[in-house]
Amino acid sequence: MNINLALAPLVSLIAGILILIMPRLLNYIVAIYLILIGLIGLFGAGRLTI
């Protein structure tokens, strides 16, 4: 059984929920999100197979 999990949408969902819960963290969440998306793009780990 293969489960394909895309990382970018998952990270976006978590970041959105955190911003809704704690709006003060917006700058940190955006910075971490951009760093993670950049790393995912550089290393080509856009999809994990579990």
N, C-alpha and C. Protein backbone atom coordinates (compact mmCIF):
# COMPACT_ATOMS: atom_id res chain seq x y z
N MET A 1 0.84 -1.18 0.00
CA MET A 1 0.00 0.00 0.00
C MET A 1 0.88 1.23 0.00
N ASN A 2 0.68 2.11 -0.97
CA ASN A 2 1.45 3.34 -1.07
C ASN A 2 0.58 4.54 -0.71
N ILE A 3 1.12 5.40 0.12
CA ILE A 3 0.44 6.65 0.46
C ILE A 3 1.35 7.78 0.01
N ASN A 4 0.88 8.59 -0.92
CA ASN A 4 1.67 9.72 -1.38
C ASN A 4 1.31 10.94 -0.54
N LEU A 5 2.33 11.56 0.02
CA LEU A 5 2.12 12.71 0.89
C LEU A 5 2.93 13.87 0.35
N ALA A 6 2.24 14.92 -0.09
CA ALA A 6 2.92 16.11 -0.58
C ALA A 6 3.23 17.01 0.62
N LEU A 7 4.47 17.43 0.74
CA LEU A 7 4.89 18.19 1.91
C LEU A 7 4.42 19.64 1.89
N ALA A 8 4.46 20.29 0.75
CA ALA A 8 4.12 21.71 0.68
C ALA A 8 2.69 22.00 1.16
N PRO A 9 1.68 21.27 0.70
CA PRO A 9 0.33 21.55 1.20
C PRO A 9 0.18 21.26 2.69
N LEU A 10 0.87 20.24 3.18
CA LEU A 10 0.81 19.91 4.60
C LEU A 10 1.43 21.02 5.45
N VAL A 11 2.57 21.53 5.02
CA VAL A 11 3.22 22.63 5.73
C VAL A 11 2.34 23.87 5.69
N SER A 12 1.72 24.14 4.55
CA SER A 12 0.82 25.29 4.42
C SER A 12 -0.37 25.18 5.37
N LEU A 13 -0.94 24.01 5.46
CA LEU A 13 -2.08 23.79 6.34
C LEU A 13 -1.70 24.02 7.80
N ILE A 14 -0.59 23.47 8.22
CA ILE A 14 -0.14 23.66 9.60
C ILE A 14 0.15 25.13 9.88
N ALA A 15 0.80 25.81 8.94
CA ALA A 15 1.11 27.23 9.13
C ALA A 15 -0.17 28.05 9.23
N GLY A 16 -1.15 27.75 8.40
CA GLY A 16 -2.42 28.48 8.45
C GLY A 16 -3.14 28.29 9.77
N ILE A 17 -3.14 27.08 10.28
CA ILE A 17 -3.79 26.81 11.56
C ILE A 17 -3.08 27.55 12.68
N LEU A 18 -1.75 27.54 12.66
CA LEU A 18 -1.00 28.25 13.71
C LEU A 18 -1.23 29.75 13.66
N ILE A 19 -1.35 30.30 12.45
CA ILE A 19 -1.62 31.74 12.32
C ILE A 19 -3.01 32.07 12.87
N LEU A 20 -3.98 31.20 12.62
CA LEU A 20 -5.31 31.44 13.16
C LEU A 20 -5.33 31.38 14.69
N ILE A 21 -4.56 30.45 15.25
CA ILE A 21 -4.54 30.29 16.70
C ILE A 21 -3.75 31.41 17.37
N MET A 22 -2.59 31.73 16.82
CA MET A 22 -1.70 32.71 17.43
C MET A 22 -1.21 33.70 16.38
N PRO A 23 -1.99 34.75 16.09
CA PRO A 23 -1.62 35.69 15.02
C PRO A 23 -0.27 36.40 15.26
N ARG A 24 0.19 36.49 16.49
CA ARG A 24 1.47 37.14 16.75
C ARG A 24 2.65 36.39 16.12
N LEU A 25 2.47 35.11 15.86
CA LEU A 25 3.55 34.30 15.31
C LEU A 25 3.67 34.41 13.80
N LEU A 26 2.91 35.31 13.19
CA LEU A 26 2.85 35.38 11.73
C LEU A 26 4.24 35.51 11.09
N ASN A 27 5.07 36.42 11.59
CA ASN A 27 6.40 36.62 10.99
C ASN A 27 7.24 35.35 11.06
N TYR A 28 7.23 34.69 12.21
CA TYR A 28 8.04 33.48 12.37
C TYR A 28 7.50 32.34 11.50
N ILE A 29 6.19 32.21 11.47
CA ILE A 29 5.59 31.13 10.68
C ILE A 29 5.87 31.32 9.19
N VAL A 30 5.75 32.55 8.71
CA VAL A 30 6.03 32.83 7.30
C VAL A 30 7.50 32.55 6.98
N ALA A 31 8.38 32.97 7.87
CA ALA A 31 9.81 32.74 7.64
C ALA A 31 10.12 31.25 7.61
N ILE A 32 9.61 30.50 8.58
CA ILE A 32 9.85 29.06 8.61
C ILE A 32 9.25 28.38 7.39
N TYR A 33 8.04 28.81 7.00
CA TYR A 33 7.39 28.23 5.83
C TYR A 33 8.25 28.44 4.58
N LEU A 34 8.72 29.66 4.39
CA LEU A 34 9.54 29.94 3.21
C LEU A 34 10.83 29.14 3.20
N ILE A 35 11.45 28.99 4.35
CA ILE A 35 12.68 28.20 4.45
C ILE A 35 12.38 26.74 4.11
N LEU A 36 11.31 26.19 4.67
CA LEU A 36 10.97 24.78 4.40
C LEU A 36 10.64 24.56 2.93
N ILE A 37 9.86 25.45 2.33
CA ILE A 37 9.52 25.30 0.91
C ILE A 37 10.78 25.39 0.05
N GLY A 38 11.69 26.29 0.42
CA GLY A 38 12.95 26.40 -0.31
C GLY A 38 13.77 25.13 -0.22
N LEU A 39 13.85 24.56 0.98
CA LEU A 39 14.60 23.31 1.16
C LEU A 39 13.95 22.16 0.42
N ILE A 40 12.63 22.10 0.45
CA ILE A 40 11.92 21.05 -0.28
C ILE A 40 12.20 21.18 -1.78
N GLY A 41 12.19 22.40 -2.28
CA GLY A 41 12.47 22.62 -3.70
C GLY A 41 13.90 22.28 -4.08
N LEU A 42 14.85 22.63 -3.22
CA LEU A 42 16.26 22.37 -3.52
C LEU A 42 16.59 20.89 -3.51
N PHE A 43 16.07 20.18 -2.54
CA PHE A 43 16.43 18.78 -2.41
C PHE A 43 15.47 17.83 -3.11
N GLY A 44 14.44 18.37 -3.74
CA GLY A 44 13.54 17.54 -4.54
C GLY A 44 12.69 16.57 -3.72
N ALA A 45 12.44 16.90 -2.47
CA ALA A 45 11.64 16.01 -1.62
C ALA A 45 10.19 16.47 -1.60
N GLY A 46 9.67 16.81 -2.75
CA GLY A 46 8.30 17.30 -2.82
C GLY A 46 7.26 16.24 -2.51
N ARG A 47 7.64 14.98 -2.70
CA ARG A 47 6.71 13.89 -2.40
C ARG A 47 7.44 12.79 -1.64
N LEU A 48 6.82 12.34 -0.60
CA LEU A 48 7.33 11.19 0.16
C LEU A 48 6.42 10.01 -0.08
N THR A 49 6.98 8.84 -0.21
CA THR A 49 6.19 7.63 -0.33
C THR A 49 6.32 6.85 0.97
N ILE A 50 5.19 6.67 1.60
CA ILE A 50 5.18 5.96 2.89
C ILE A 50 4.52 4.62 2.70
